[in-house]
Amino acid sequence: MAKELKIAHDKIRDPQTITQVQEQVFAEHSLDMHKHEVDRLEDDHTKGVRILTVKTPRSFFSVPDLPWTRKADD
């Protein structure tokens, strides 16, 4: 499921603070900037908005309980 985030160009104009602003916007939408992937990035210069389409990563595999692993109580 993709989410659409909008960030005003005024907030991301300074290259020294763009990362903090993006982390804050992701947190407001219950997302983590380091875990969720930006699928599409568009700048709408007429409205002065950056639109990010973010998708949730999926787990592709899991490691089963292996028979030769050591149990915690051993």
N, C-alpha and C. Protein backbone atom coordinates (compact mmCIF):
# COMPACT_ATOMS: atom_id res chain seq x y z
N MET A 1 0.84 -1.17 0.00
CA MET A 1 0.00 0.00 0.00
C MET A 1 0.89 1.24 0.00
N ALA A 2 0.72 2.10 -0.97
CA ALA A 2 1.54 3.30 -1.10
C ALA A 2 0.85 4.48 -0.42
N LYS A 3 1.68 5.32 0.20
CA LYS A 3 1.19 6.54 0.81
C LYS A 3 1.79 7.72 0.07
N GLU A 4 1.04 8.81 0.03
CA GLU A 4 1.50 10.00 -0.64
C GLU A 4 1.80 11.08 0.40
N LEU A 5 3.03 11.57 0.42
CA LEU A 5 3.45 12.60 1.36
C LEU A 5 3.72 13.88 0.59
N LYS A 6 3.29 15.01 1.15
CA LYS A 6 3.53 16.30 0.52
C LYS A 6 4.37 17.16 1.45
N ILE A 7 5.43 17.74 0.90
CA ILE A 7 6.33 18.61 1.65
C ILE A 7 6.45 19.92 0.90
N ALA A 8 6.24 21.03 1.61
CA ALA A 8 6.35 22.35 0.99
C ALA A 8 7.81 22.64 0.64
N HIS A 9 8.00 23.26 -0.51
CA HIS A 9 9.36 23.60 -0.93
C HIS A 9 10.04 24.56 0.04
N ASP A 10 9.27 25.39 0.72
CA ASP A 10 9.85 26.33 1.69
C ASP A 10 10.57 25.59 2.82
N LYS A 11 10.06 24.43 3.21
CA LYS A 11 10.64 23.68 4.32
C LYS A 11 11.94 22.96 3.91
N ILE A 12 12.05 22.58 2.64
CA ILE A 12 13.21 21.80 2.21
C ILE A 12 14.19 22.61 1.37
N ARG A 13 14.06 23.90 1.41
CA ARG A 13 14.94 24.77 0.63
C ARG A 13 16.38 24.75 1.14
N ASP A 14 16.56 24.63 2.46
CA ASP A 14 17.89 24.65 3.06
C ASP A 14 18.48 23.23 3.05
N PRO A 15 19.61 23.02 2.37
CA PRO A 15 20.19 21.67 2.31
C PRO A 15 20.70 21.16 3.66
N GLN A 16 20.88 22.06 4.62
CA GLN A 16 21.35 21.65 5.94
C GLN A 16 20.24 21.01 6.78
N THR A 17 18.97 21.30 6.46
CA THR A 17 17.86 20.81 7.28
C THR A 17 16.90 19.88 6.54
N ILE A 18 17.17 19.58 5.28
CA ILE A 18 16.23 18.77 4.49
C ILE A 18 16.02 17.38 5.08
N THR A 19 17.07 16.76 5.61
CA THR A 19 16.95 15.42 6.18
C THR A 19 16.07 15.43 7.41
N GLN A 20 16.25 16.39 8.29
CA GLN A 20 15.43 16.48 9.50
C GLN A 20 13.97 16.73 9.15
N VAL A 21 13.71 17.56 8.14
CA VAL A 21 12.33 17.83 7.73
C VAL A 21 11.69 16.57 7.17
N GLN A 22 12.41 15.84 6.33
CA GLN A 22 11.86 14.61 5.76
C GLN A 22 11.61 13.57 6.84
N GLU A 23 12.52 13.42 7.80
CA GLU A 23 12.30 12.48 8.90
C GLU A 23 11.05 12.85 9.70
N GLN A 24 10.84 14.13 9.91
CA GLN A 24 9.67 14.60 10.65
C GLN A 24 8.37 14.30 9.89
N VAL A 25 8.38 14.53 8.59
CA VAL A 25 7.18 14.26 7.76
C VAL A 25 6.88 12.77 7.73
N PHE A 26 7.90 11.94 7.60
CA PHE A 26 7.71 10.49 7.62
C PHE A 26 7.15 10.06 8.98
N ALA A 27 7.67 10.61 10.07
CA ALA A 27 7.20 10.25 11.42
C ALA A 27 5.75 10.67 11.61
N GLU A 28 5.34 11.80 11.06
CA GLU A 28 3.95 12.24 11.17
C GLU A 28 2.99 11.26 10.50
N HIS A 29 3.47 10.52 9.52
CA HIS A 29 2.65 9.54 8.80
C HIS A 29 2.94 8.11 9.27
N SER A 30 3.58 7.98 10.43
CA SER A 30 3.91 6.67 11.02
C SER A 30 4.80 5.83 10.11
N LEU A 31 5.76 6.47 9.48
CA LEU A 31 6.70 5.79 8.60
C LEU A 31 8.12 6.06 9.08
N ASP A 32 9.03 5.20 8.70
CA ASP A 32 10.44 5.38 9.01
C ASP A 32 11.18 5.61 7.70
N MET A 33 11.88 6.72 7.62
CA MET A 33 12.56 7.10 6.39
C MET A 33 13.61 6.08 5.97
N HIS A 34 14.15 5.34 6.92
CA HIS A 34 15.21 4.39 6.63
C HIS A 34 14.69 2.99 6.29
N LYS A 35 13.40 2.73 6.52
CA LYS A 35 12.83 1.43 6.23
C LYS A 35 11.91 1.45 5.01
N HIS A 36 11.21 2.54 4.81
CA HIS A 36 10.24 2.62 3.73
C HIS A 36 10.88 3.21 2.49
N GLU A 37 10.48 2.70 1.34
CA GLU A 37 11.08 3.09 0.07
C GLU A 37 10.26 4.19 -0.60
N VAL A 38 10.96 5.18 -1.15
CA VAL A 38 10.30 6.20 -1.95
C VAL A 38 10.19 5.65 -3.36
N ASP A 39 8.96 5.43 -3.79
CA ASP A 39 8.70 4.85 -5.09
C ASP A 39 8.77 5.92 -6.19
N ARG A 40 8.25 7.10 -5.86
CA ARG A 40 8.21 8.17 -6.86
C ARG A 40 8.39 9.51 -6.17
N LEU A 41 9.12 10.42 -6.77
CA LEU A 41 9.35 11.76 -6.25
C LEU A 41 9.02 12.75 -7.35
N GLU A 42 8.10 13.67 -7.06
CA GLU A 42 7.70 14.67 -8.04
C GLU A 42 7.74 16.05 -7.40
N ASP A 43 8.23 17.02 -8.13
CA ASP A 43 8.20 18.41 -7.68
C ASP A 43 7.15 19.17 -8.49
N ASP A 44 6.16 19.71 -7.80
CA ASP A 44 5.14 20.54 -8.44
C ASP A 44 5.52 21.99 -8.17
N HIS A 45 6.17 22.61 -9.16
CA HIS A 45 6.69 23.96 -8.96
C HIS A 45 5.59 25.02 -8.96
N THR A 46 4.46 24.73 -9.57
CA THR A 46 3.37 25.71 -9.57
C THR A 46 2.73 25.81 -8.18
N LYS A 47 2.64 24.69 -7.47
CA LYS A 47 2.07 24.69 -6.13
C LYS A 47 3.14 24.82 -5.05
N GLY A 48 4.40 24.63 -5.41
CA GLY A 48 5.49 24.71 -4.45
C GLY A 48 5.51 23.54 -3.48
N VAL A 49 5.28 22.34 -4.02
CA VAL A 49 5.16 21.14 -3.19
C VAL A 49 5.98 20.01 -3.79
N ARG A 50 6.64 19.24 -2.92
CA ARG A 50 7.29 17.99 -3.34
C ARG A 50 6.38 16.85 -2.92
N ILE A 51 6.07 15.96 -3.83
CA ILE A 51 5.17 14.83 -3.57
C ILE A 51 6.00 13.55 -3.60
N LEU A 52 5.99 12.83 -2.48
CA LEU A 52 6.70 11.56 -2.37
C LEU A 52 5.67 10.44 -2.29
N THR A 53 5.82 9.43 -3.11
CA THR A 53 4.99 8.24 -3.02
C THR A 53 5.85 7.17 -2.36
N VAL A 54 5.41 6.72 -1.18
CA VAL A 54 6.20 5.82 -0.35
C VAL A 54 5.50 4.48 -0.28
N LYS A 55 6.27 3.39 -0.47
CA LYS A 55 5.69 2.06 -0.33
C LYS A 55 6.32 1.34 0.85
N THR A 56 5.56 0.46 1.45
CA THR A 56 6.01 -0.31 2.59
C THR A 56 6.80 -1.52 2.12
N PRO A 57 7.99 -1.74 2.66
CA PRO A 57 8.76 -2.92 2.24
C PRO A 57 8.10 -4.20 2.75
N ARG A 58 8.30 -5.26 2.02
CA ARG A 58 7.75 -6.56 2.41
C ARG A 58 8.89 -7.51 2.75
N SER A 59 8.62 -8.40 3.65
CA SER A 59 9.61 -9.44 3.97
C SER A 59 9.49 -10.52 2.92
N PHE A 60 10.60 -10.87 2.31
CA PHE A 60 10.58 -11.86 1.25
C PHE A 60 10.92 -13.26 1.74
N PHE A 61 11.56 -13.36 2.89
CA PHE A 61 11.90 -14.67 3.41
C PHE A 61 12.01 -14.58 4.92
N SER A 62 11.96 -15.72 5.54
CA SER A 62 12.18 -15.80 6.98
C SER A 62 12.99 -17.07 7.26
N VAL A 63 13.75 -17.03 8.30
CA VAL A 63 14.58 -18.17 8.65
C VAL A 63 13.79 -19.03 9.63
N PRO A 64 13.56 -20.28 9.30
CA PRO A 64 12.81 -21.16 10.22
C PRO A 64 13.69 -21.56 11.40
N ASP A 65 13.08 -22.16 12.37
CA ASP A 65 13.82 -22.66 13.52
C ASP A 65 14.62 -23.88 13.05
N LEU A 66 15.91 -23.71 12.97
CA LEU A 66 16.77 -24.76 12.43
C LEU A 66 17.02 -25.84 13.49
N PRO A 67 17.10 -27.10 13.08
CA PRO A 67 17.25 -28.18 14.05
C PRO A 67 18.61 -28.17 14.76
N TRP A 68 19.63 -27.61 14.17
CA TRP A 68 20.96 -27.64 14.79
C TRP A 68 21.26 -26.40 15.63
N THR A 69 20.28 -25.49 15.76
CA THR A 69 20.53 -24.29 16.57
C THR A 69 20.48 -24.65 18.05
N ARG A 70 21.19 -23.91 18.83
CA ARG A 70 21.26 -24.16 20.26
C ARG A 70 20.10 -23.46 20.96
N LYS A 71 19.43 -24.14 21.83
CA LYS A 71 18.30 -23.56 22.56
C LYS A 71 18.82 -22.69 23.69
N ALA A 72 18.03 -21.70 24.09
CA ALA A 72 18.45 -20.74 25.10
C ALA A 72 18.65 -21.38 26.47
N ASP A 73 17.90 -22.42 26.81
CA ASP A 73 17.98 -23.02 28.14
C ASP A 73 19.10 -24.08 28.23
N ASP A 74 19.84 -24.35 27.14
CA ASP A 74 20.95 -25.33 27.19
C ASP A 74 22.18 -24.72 27.82
